[in-house]
Structures are given as structure tokens and as C-alpha cells.
C-alpha atoms as a PDB file:
ATOM      1  CA  MET A   1      51.345  -8.037  14.446  1.00  0.00           C
ATOM      2  CA  ILE A   2      53.220  -9.837  11.645  1.00  0.00           C
ATOM      3  CA  ASN A   3      53.541 -13.562  12.326  1.00  0.00           C
ATOM      4  CA  LYS A   4      54.750 -15.535   9.307  1.00  0.00           C
ATOM      5  CA  ILE A   5      53.410 -18.942  10.314  1.00  0.00           C
ATOM      6  CA  TYR A   6      52.901 -20.194   6.750  1.00  0.00           C
ATOM      7  CA  LYS A   7      55.105 -20.136   3.663  1.00  0.00           C
ATOM      8  CA  TYR A   8      52.969 -18.798   0.843  1.00  0.00           C
ATOM      9  CA  PRO A   9      54.052 -19.582  -2.731  1.00  0.00           C
ATOM     10  CA  ASP A  10      55.193 -16.971  -5.215  1.00  0.00           C
ATOM     11  CA  LEU A  11      52.708 -17.259  -8.054  1.00  0.00           C
ATOM     12  CA  GLU A  12      53.758 -16.861 -11.671  1.00  0.00           C
ATOM     13  CA  ARG A  13      51.065 -15.002 -13.582  1.00  0.00           C
ATOM     14  CA  ILE A  14      50.374 -15.628 -17.257  1.00  0.00           C
ATOM     15  CA  GLU A  15      47.759 -14.446 -19.763  1.00  0.00           C
ATOM     16  CA  LYS A  16      45.650 -16.817 -21.865  1.00  0.00           C
ATOM     17  CA  ASN A  17      43.198 -15.358 -24.380  1.00  0.00           C
ATOM     18  CA  GLY A  18      43.217 -12.111 -22.428  1.00  0.00           C
ATOM     19  CA  LEU A  19      42.410 -13.844 -19.129  1.00  0.00           C
ATOM     20  CA  ARG A  20      44.550 -14.100 -15.999  1.00  0.00           C
ATOM     21  CA  PHE A  21      45.969 -17.486 -15.092  1.00  0.00           C
ATOM     22  CA  TYR A  22      48.669 -18.667 -12.693  1.00  0.00           C
ATOM     23  CA  LEU A  23      51.001 -21.646 -12.861  1.00  0.00           C
ATOM     24  CA  ASP A  24      50.322 -24.229 -10.158  1.00  0.00           C
ATOM     25  CA  SER A  25      52.994 -26.353  -8.464  1.00  0.00           C
ATOM     26  CA  LEU A  26      52.902 -28.773 -11.416  1.00  0.00           C
ATOM     27  CA  ASN A  27      53.539 -25.866 -13.805  1.00  0.00           C
ATOM     28  CA  ASN A  28      50.041 -26.121 -15.238  1.00  0.00           C
ATOM     29  CA  PRO A  29      47.947 -22.970 -15.811  1.00  0.00           C
ATOM     30  CA  VAL A  30      44.966 -22.524 -13.507  1.00  0.00           C
ATOM     31  CA  PRO A  31      42.530 -19.586 -13.627  1.00  0.00           C
ATOM     32  CA  SER A  32      42.682 -16.802 -11.110  1.00  0.00           C
ATOM     33  CA  VAL A  33      39.735 -16.495  -8.751  1.00  0.00           C
ATOM     34  CA  THR A  34      38.797 -13.158 -10.350  1.00  0.00           C
ATOM     35  CA  THR A  35      38.909 -14.738 -13.825  1.00  0.00           C
ATOM     36  CA  VAL A  36      36.477 -17.470 -12.771  1.00  0.00           C
ATOM     37  CA  LEU A  37      34.143 -14.906 -11.214  1.00  0.00           C
ATOM     38  CA  SER A  38      34.203 -12.522 -14.182  1.00  0.00           C
ATOM     39  CA  GLU A  39      33.715 -15.291 -16.737  1.00  0.00           C
ATOM     40  CA  THR A  40      30.738 -16.769 -14.871  1.00  0.00           C
ATOM     41  CA  SER A  41      29.170 -13.472 -13.849  1.00  0.00           C
ATOM     42  CA  GLU A  42      25.513 -12.714 -14.457  1.00  0.00           C
ATOM     43  CA  LYS A  43      26.322  -8.988 -14.405  1.00  0.00           C
ATOM     44  CA  SER A  44      28.094  -8.898 -17.767  1.00  0.00           C
ATOM     45  CA  PHE A  45      24.938  -7.646 -19.512  1.00  0.00           C
ATOM     46  CA  ASP A  46      24.565  -4.783 -16.998  1.00  0.00           C
ATOM     47  CA  LEU A  47      28.222  -3.865 -17.550  1.00  0.00           C
ATOM     48  CA  LYS A  48      27.715  -3.737 -21.310  1.00  0.00           C
ATOM     49  CA  LYS A  49      24.624  -1.532 -20.855  1.00  0.00           C
ATOM     50  CA  TRP A  50      26.612   0.822 -18.619  1.00  0.00           C
ATOM     51  CA  LYS A  51      29.428   1.064 -21.180  1.00  0.00           C
ATOM     52  CA  LEU A  52      26.910   1.891 -23.905  1.00  0.00           C
ATOM     53  CA  LYS A  53      25.356   4.552 -21.673  1.00  0.00           C
ATOM     54  CA  VAL A  54      28.567   6.380 -20.699  1.00  0.00           C
ATOM     55  CA  GLY A  55      30.598   5.554 -23.805  1.00  0.00           C
ATOM     56  CA  GLU A  56      33.715   3.419 -24.221  1.00  0.00           C
ATOM     57  CA  VAL A  57      36.162   6.269 -23.581  1.00  0.00           C
ATOM     58  CA  GLU A  58      34.486   7.413 -20.363  1.00  0.00           C
ATOM     59  CA  ALA A  59      34.047   3.828 -19.164  1.00  0.00           C
ATOM     60  CA  GLU A  60      37.771   3.210 -19.675  1.00  0.00           C
ATOM     61  CA  ARG A  61      38.662   6.441 -17.844  1.00  0.00           C
ATOM     62  CA  ILE A  62      36.475   5.514 -14.857  1.00  0.00           C
ATOM     63  CA  LYS A  63      37.922   1.993 -14.762  1.00  0.00           C
ATOM     64  CA  ASN A  64      41.518   3.231 -14.930  1.00  0.00           C
ATOM     65  CA  GLU A  65      40.897   5.829 -12.217  1.00  0.00           C
ATOM     66  CA  ALA A  66      39.370   3.239  -9.889  1.00  0.00           C
ATOM     67  CA  THR A  67      42.236   0.828 -10.558  1.00  0.00           C
ATOM     68  CA  ALA A  68      44.868   3.494  -9.842  1.00  0.00           C
ATOM     69  CA  ILE A  69      43.177   4.466  -6.560  1.00  0.00           C
ATOM     70  CA  GLY A  70      42.695   0.859  -5.472  1.00  0.00           C
ATOM     71  CA  THR A  71      46.288  -0.109  -6.272  1.00  0.00           C
ATOM     72  CA  ALA A  72      47.726   2.878  -4.398  1.00  0.00           C
ATOM     73  CA  VAL A  73      45.556   2.162  -1.337  1.00  0.00           C
ATOM     74  CA  HIS A  74      46.476  -1.539  -1.282  1.00  0.00           C
ATOM     75  CA  GLU A  75      50.185  -0.792  -1.564  1.00  0.00           C
ATOM     76  CA  ALA A  76      50.016   1.769   1.240  1.00  0.00           C
ATOM     77  CA  LEU A  77      48.036  -0.528   3.557  1.00  0.00           C
ATOM     78  CA  GLU A  78      50.509  -3.340   2.937  1.00  0.00           C
ATOM     79  CA  GLN A  79      53.417  -1.070   3.895  1.00  0.00           C
ATOM     80  CA  TYR A  80      51.537   0.190   6.955  1.00  0.00           C
ATOM     81  CA  LEU A  81      50.814  -3.320   8.218  1.00  0.00           C
ATOM     82  CA  TYR A  82      54.458  -4.259   7.690  1.00  0.00           C
ATOM     83  CA  GLY A  83      55.372  -1.259   9.862  1.00  0.00           C
ATOM     84  CA  GLU A  84      57.129   0.497   6.995  1.00  0.00           C
ATOM     85  CA  ASP A  85      56.867   3.988   5.504  1.00  0.00           C
ATOM     86  CA  TRP A  86      53.507   4.021   3.742  1.00  0.00           C
ATOM     87  CA  ASN A  87      52.724   7.677   3.039  1.00  0.00           C
ATOM     88  CA  ASN A  88      54.352   7.873  -0.399  1.00  0.00           C
ATOM     89  CA  PHE A  89      51.520   9.305  -2.464  1.00  0.00           C
ATOM     90  CA  ASN A  90      52.229  11.694  -5.308  1.00  0.00           C
ATOM     91  CA  SER A  91      50.291  14.829  -6.260  1.00  0.00           C
ATOM     92  CA  SER A  92      48.018  13.186  -8.838  1.00  0.00           C
ATOM     93  CA  LYS A  93      44.259  13.303  -8.330  1.00  0.00           C
ATOM     94  CA  GLU A  94      44.100   9.503  -7.944  1.00  0.00           C
ATOM     95  CA  HIS A  95      46.861   9.416  -5.336  1.00  0.00           C
ATOM     96  CA  GLN A  96      45.341  12.249  -3.329  1.00  0.00           C
ATOM     97  CA  ILE A  97      42.040  10.360  -3.178  1.00  0.00           C
ATOM     98  CA  ALA A  98      43.973   7.197  -2.269  1.00  0.00           C
ATOM     99  CA  SER A  99      45.776   9.066   0.506  1.00  0.00           C
ATOM    100  CA  ARG A 100      42.509  10.128   2.139  1.00  0.00           C
ATOM    101  CA  ILE A 101      41.025   6.646   1.796  1.00  0.00           C
ATOM    102  CA  THR A 102      44.139   5.020   3.266  1.00  0.00           C
ATOM    103  CA  ASN A 103      44.059   7.338   6.262  1.00  0.00           C
ATOM    104  CA  LYS A 104      40.414   6.415   6.829  1.00  0.00           C
ATOM    105  CA  PHE A 105      41.286   2.707   6.724  1.00  0.00           C
ATOM    106  CA  ILE A 106      44.035   3.264   9.292  1.00  0.00           C
ATOM    107  CA  GLU A 107      41.836   5.396  11.556  1.00  0.00           C
ATOM    108  CA  SER A 108      38.704   3.237  11.429  1.00  0.00           C
ATOM    109  CA  GLY A 109      39.181  -0.073   9.676  1.00  0.00           C
ATOM    110  CA  LEU A 110      42.249  -1.919  10.896  1.00  0.00           C
ATOM    111  CA  ASP A 111      41.644  -2.145  14.665  1.00  0.00           C
ATOM    112  CA  GLY A 112      40.197  -5.649  14.372  1.00  0.00           C
ATOM    113  CA  ILE A 113      43.363  -7.081  12.799  1.00  0.00           C
ATOM    114  CA  GLU A 114      45.192  -8.750  15.685  1.00  0.00           C
ATOM    115  CA  GLU A 115      47.733 -10.816  13.744  1.00  0.00           C
ATOM    116  CA  VAL A 116      48.881 -10.900  10.127  1.00  0.00           C
ATOM    117  CA  TRP A 117      50.078 -14.175   8.611  1.00  0.00           C
ATOM    118  CA  GLY A 118      50.470 -12.869   5.101  1.00  0.00           C
ATOM    119  CA  LEU A 119      49.892  -9.850   2.856  1.00  0.00           C
ATOM    120  CA  GLU A 120      49.347 -10.185  -0.898  1.00  0.00           C
ATOM    121  CA  SER A 121      49.802 -13.907  -0.321  1.00  0.00           C
ATOM    122  CA  GLY A 122      49.631 -16.478  -3.090  1.00  0.00           C
ATOM    123  CA  LEU A 123      47.181 -19.359  -2.694  1.00  0.00           C
ATOM    124  CA  VAL A 124      46.806 -22.196  -5.192  1.00  0.00           C
ATOM    125  CA  LEU A 125      44.965 -25.485  -5.569  1.00  0.00           C
ATOM    126  CA  ASP A 126      46.668 -27.586  -8.232  1.00  0.00           C
ATOM    127  CA  GLY A 127      44.498 -28.085 -11.281  1.00  0.00           C
ATOM    128  CA  LEU A 128      41.739 -25.819  -9.959  1.00  0.00           C
ATOM    129  CA  TYR A 129      42.477 -22.156  -9.262  1.00  0.00           C
ATOM    130  CA  ALA A 130      44.841 -19.653  -7.671  1.00  0.00           C
ATOM    131  CA  GLY A 131      44.863 -16.088  -6.422  1.00  0.00           C
ATOM    132  CA  THR A 132      46.406 -13.525  -4.150  1.00  0.00           C
ATOM    133  CA  ALA A 133      44.739 -12.620  -0.849  1.00  0.00           C
ATOM    134  CA  ASP A 134      45.053  -9.063   0.471  1.00  0.00           C
ATOM    135  CA  CYS A 135      45.497 -10.126   4.091  1.00  0.00           C
ATOM    136  CA  ILE A 136      45.365 -13.415   6.001  1.00  0.00           C
ATOM    137  CA  GLY A 137      45.437 -13.561   9.774  1.00  0.00           C
ATOM    138  CA  ILE A 138      43.379 -13.120  12.902  1.00  0.00           C
ATOM    139  CA  PHE A 139      40.528 -10.599  12.890  1.00  0.00           C
ATOM    140  CA  GLU A 140      38.603 -10.018  16.115  1.00  0.00           C
ATOM    141  CA  GLY A 141      39.767 -13.373  17.468  1.00  0.00           C
ATOM    142  CA  GLU A 142      39.010 -15.454  14.361  1.00  0.00           C
ATOM    143  CA  SER A 143      41.263 -16.855  11.635  1.00  0.00           C
ATOM    144  CA  SER A 144      40.201 -14.821   8.617  1.00  0.00           C
ATOM    145  CA  ILE A 145      40.617 -13.836   5.015  1.00  0.00           C
ATOM    146  CA  ILE A 146      40.588 -10.033   5.061  1.00  0.00           C
ATOM    147  CA  ASP A 147      40.008  -7.973   1.929  1.00  0.00           C
ATOM    148  CA  PHE A 148      40.408  -4.223   1.484  1.00  0.00           C
ATOM    149  CA  LYS A 149      37.991  -2.647  -0.971  1.00  0.00           C
ATOM    150  CA  THR A 150      37.694   0.915  -2.239  1.00  0.00           C
ATOM    151  CA  ALA A 151      34.437   2.127  -3.753  1.00  0.00           C
ATOM    152  CA  LYS A 152      32.957   5.243  -5.277  1.00  0.00           C
ATOM    153  CA  GLN A 153      30.040   4.747  -2.890  1.00  0.00           C
ATOM    154  CA  ILE A 154      29.542   2.259  -0.053  1.00  0.00           C
ATOM    155  CA  LYS A 155      27.763  -0.826  -1.327  1.00  0.00           C
ATOM    156  CA  LYS A 156      25.016  -2.886   0.275  1.00  0.00           C
ATOM    157  CA  LYS A 157      25.890  -6.389   1.433  1.00  0.00           C
ATOM    158  CA  GLU A 158      23.665  -8.008  -1.172  1.00  0.00           C
ATOM    159  CA  TRP A 159      25.644  -6.218  -3.916  1.00  0.00           C
ATOM    160  CA  ILE A 160      29.031  -7.696  -3.019  1.00  0.00           C
ATOM    161  CA  THR A 161      28.440 -11.415  -3.505  1.00  0.00           C
ATOM    162  CA  ASP A 162      31.571 -11.692  -5.669  1.00  0.00           C
ATOM    163  CA  TYR A 163      33.700 -10.288  -2.840  1.00  0.00           C
ATOM    164  CA  PHE A 164      32.484 -13.029  -0.525  1.00  0.00           C
ATOM    165  CA  LEU A 165      32.945 -15.680  -3.215  1.00  0.00           C
ATOM    166  CA  GLN A 166      36.515 -14.484  -3.661  1.00  0.00           C
ATOM    167  CA  GLY A 167      37.056 -14.697   0.087  1.00  0.00           C
ATOM    168  CA  VAL A 168      35.673 -18.220   0.480  1.00  0.00           C
ATOM    169  CA  ALA A 169      37.750 -19.364  -2.513  1.00  0.00           C
ATOM    170  CA  TYR A 170      40.888 -18.116  -0.759  1.00  0.00           C
ATOM    171  CA  ALA A 171      39.797 -19.578   2.584  1.00  0.00           C
ATOM    172  CA  ASN A 172      39.140 -23.012   1.109  1.00  0.00           C
ATOM    173  CA  ALA A 173      42.479 -22.985  -0.713  1.00  0.00           C
ATOM    174  CA  HIS A 174      44.272 -22.007   2.503  1.00  0.00           C
ATOM    175  CA  ASN A 175      42.500 -24.758   4.444  1.00  0.00           C
ATOM    176  CA  VAL A 176      43.615 -27.396   1.949  1.00  0.00           C
ATOM    177  CA  MET A 177      47.169 -26.071   1.617  1.00  0.00           C
ATOM    178  CA  PHE A 178      47.895 -25.621   5.320  1.00  0.00           C
ATOM    179  CA  ASN A 179      45.301 -27.774   7.111  1.00  0.00           C
ATOM    180  CA  THR A 180      43.649 -24.712   8.634  1.00  0.00           C
ATOM    181  CA  ASP A 181      39.974 -24.114   9.380  1.00  0.00           C
ATOM    182  CA  ILE A 182      39.340 -20.581   8.151  1.00  0.00           C
ATOM    183  CA  LYS A 183      35.609 -19.900   7.927  1.00  0.00           C
ATOM    184  CA  ASN A 184      35.622 -16.120   8.388  1.00  0.00           C
ATOM    185  CA  VAL A 185      35.690 -13.633   5.508  1.00  0.00           C
ATOM    186  CA  VAL A 186      35.977  -9.933   6.305  1.00  0.00           C
ATOM    187  CA  ILE A 187      35.481  -7.169   3.740  1.00  0.00           C
ATOM    188  CA  LEU A 188      36.683  -3.723   4.853  1.00  0.00           C
ATOM    189  CA  MET A 189      35.480  -0.926   2.580  1.00  0.00           C
ATOM    190  CA  VAL A 190      36.043   2.825   2.354  1.00  0.00           C
ATOM    191  CA  ASP A 191      34.365   5.013  -0.285  1.00  0.00           C
ATOM    192  CA  ARG A 192      35.223   8.398  -1.842  1.00  0.00           C
ATOM    193  CA  GLU A 193      33.173  10.153   0.863  1.00  0.00           C
ATOM    194  CA  LEU A 194      35.423   8.449   3.469  1.00  0.00           C
ATOM    195  CA  ILE A 195      32.627   6.305   4.849  1.00  0.00           C
ATOM    196  CA  PHE A 196      33.919   3.042   6.338  1.00  0.00           C
ATOM    197  CA  LYS A 197      31.965  -0.220   6.391  1.00  0.00           C
ATOM    198  CA  LYS A 198      32.828  -3.703   7.647  1.00  0.00           C
ATOM    199  CA  PHE A 199      31.126  -6.742   6.116  1.00  0.00           C
ATOM    200  CA  THR A 200      31.344 -10.282   7.507  1.00  0.00           C
ATOM    201  CA  ILE A 201      29.557 -13.572   6.858  1.00  0.00           C
ATOM    202  CA  SER A 202      28.178 -16.267   9.128  1.00  0.00           C
ATOM    203  CA  LEU A 203      29.184 -19.932   9.039  1.00  0.00           C
ATOM    204  CA  ILE A 204      25.982 -20.773   7.150  1.00  0.00           C
ATOM    205  CA  GLU A 205      26.776 -18.040   4.622  1.00  0.00           C
ATOM    206  CA  PHE A 206      30.336 -19.363   4.300  1.00  0.00           C
ATOM    207  CA  GLN A 207      28.989 -22.798   3.424  1.00  0.00           C
ATOM    208  CA  HIS A 208      26.459 -21.245   1.026  1.00  0.00           C
ATOM    209  CA  PHE A 209      29.106 -19.215  -0.812  1.00  0.00           C
ATOM    210  CA  THR A 210      31.435 -22.224  -0.929  1.00  0.00           C
ATOM    211  CA  SER A 211      28.719 -24.185  -2.708  1.00  0.00           C
ATOM    212  CA  ILE A 212      28.217 -21.359  -5.221  1.00  0.00           C
ATOM    213  CA  TRP A 213      31.979 -21.085  -5.769  1.00  0.00           C
ATOM    214  CA  LYS A 214      32.248 -24.794  -6.589  1.00  0.00           C
ATOM    215  CA  LYS A 215      29.427 -24.461  -9.116  1.00  0.00           C
ATOM    216  CA  LYS A 216      31.201 -21.496 -10.724  1.00  0.00           C
ATOM    217  CA  LEU A 217      34.406 -23.525 -11.035  1.00  0.00           C
ATOM    218  CA  ILE A 218      32.467 -26.250 -12.837  1.00  0.00           C
ATOM    219  CA  ALA A 219      30.735 -23.682 -15.067  1.00  0.00           C
ATOM    220  CA  PHE A 220      34.063 -22.041 -15.939  1.00  0.00           C
ATOM    221  CA  ASP A 221      35.646 -25.383 -16.792  1.00  0.00           C
ATOM    222  CA  ARG A 222      32.678 -26.299 -18.972  1.00  0.00           C
ATOM    223  CA  LYS A 223      32.803 -22.926 -20.727  1.00  0.00           C
ATOM    224  CA  LYS A 224      36.532 -23.304 -21.359  1.00  0.00           C
ATOM    225  CA  LYS A 225      36.053 -26.771 -22.896  1.00  0.00           C
ATOM    226  CA  ASP A 226      33.109 -25.624 -25.038  1.00  0.00           C
ATOM    227  CA  GLY A 227      35.007 -22.551 -26.169  1.00  0.00           C
END
């Protein structure tokens, strides 16, 4: 399943004003894909309202719990796809949830992955942006960016625009770096109730999200200069 066709760069991560950046091949800082998306998001007001509703302490607890579960699941899936020992969860609540979610991914969500070119692979466009893709390879016969997402509850497709924007950003970077033609983005999601859902986008949607991503890059750059 593992076929290391491409040599992905090791990205050096740095923090600037509390935001995540990476150094490109010219040693210049470029924003991470997630930084661009968060800083140009229209959902920031809703997030602030939610924090006011549940309180700062509870909001931080929920965020930390979700991060711990997501990290444990991603690490386990990476080890599984490499054919290594992956079932190394501890007895904490977060790891026990992560264990169940990982098993659901393995049982229901990974069948479409036919070939893996890279896991947690660095992608960078000098002077523009960088990021780390969960999985790059062939999914159901198509060259794809594949992302693993955990959720408290399965989301509707129209709620996960940022996931698709992240995917097309990685795909476009890969296409420039390695002269590929990746146009398929696959989001595999499992929630706390162990419901699995696969999301994909059409070629027209890929082009649509690419256009939005480019506008967000411009908006981020403008915001950085104005700030």
C-alpha cells in the first residue's frame, strides 16, 4: 500500500504573533493553510458567541478534549497505514474514545485507499503557504488528498467548507511541486457515536473551492499588511 513516489519536505514550524507559520525553501515564513483559513473565517463571531455561552473554562476543556482525541486517532491511523503497531492507547477517557473511533475508521473508512504516497506529508509553495496533509495517494482509483476527521457529531457537507478548502490547498501545492494533477479531495469522518461518513467533491466543486482559496490567500495577505 505504501509507495513513496515523491520526496516530501520536512517543514520547520514557527510561531508569529500566536499564528502558525512554516519556513519555505527560501527560509521565508509562510502561513499554514489552517492559519489562513482561521484568520479569514466568517465563523469567528459564532465561535465567540459559543465561548460566551459555555464559558471560557468549559470552551477550553472541550477544545483540549477534541484535540487530544483527534491527535491520538491520527497517530494510530498513520501507524496502521504504515503496517506498524497502532493500538497503543492509554486508559484516559480521551484515548478510549480515540480507540473506538480508530477501530471504526479501520473497519469502515479505509477500504478505498489503494495506495499511499505520503502520511503527514509536508507541502509548501514558496512565498505563499504550507501545510501537512494527513494522507496523499490513490483513493478509489483517483489521485487524492485524503483527510481524517473526528467529530462530536457527523456534520453535513455544507458545514465543512473549510475542510474542502484545506484539501484543495494541499492538492494545488502538490500539483505545482510534483507536476501532478490531483483534483480529488476525500474527507473521511467518524463521530463519537461511531457513525462513519465519506465526503468527496466534484471537479466543478474543486475549481470552485480553488477560487475561494485564492481569494482567502489574498485576503490574509492584505490583513497581514494592514495589521
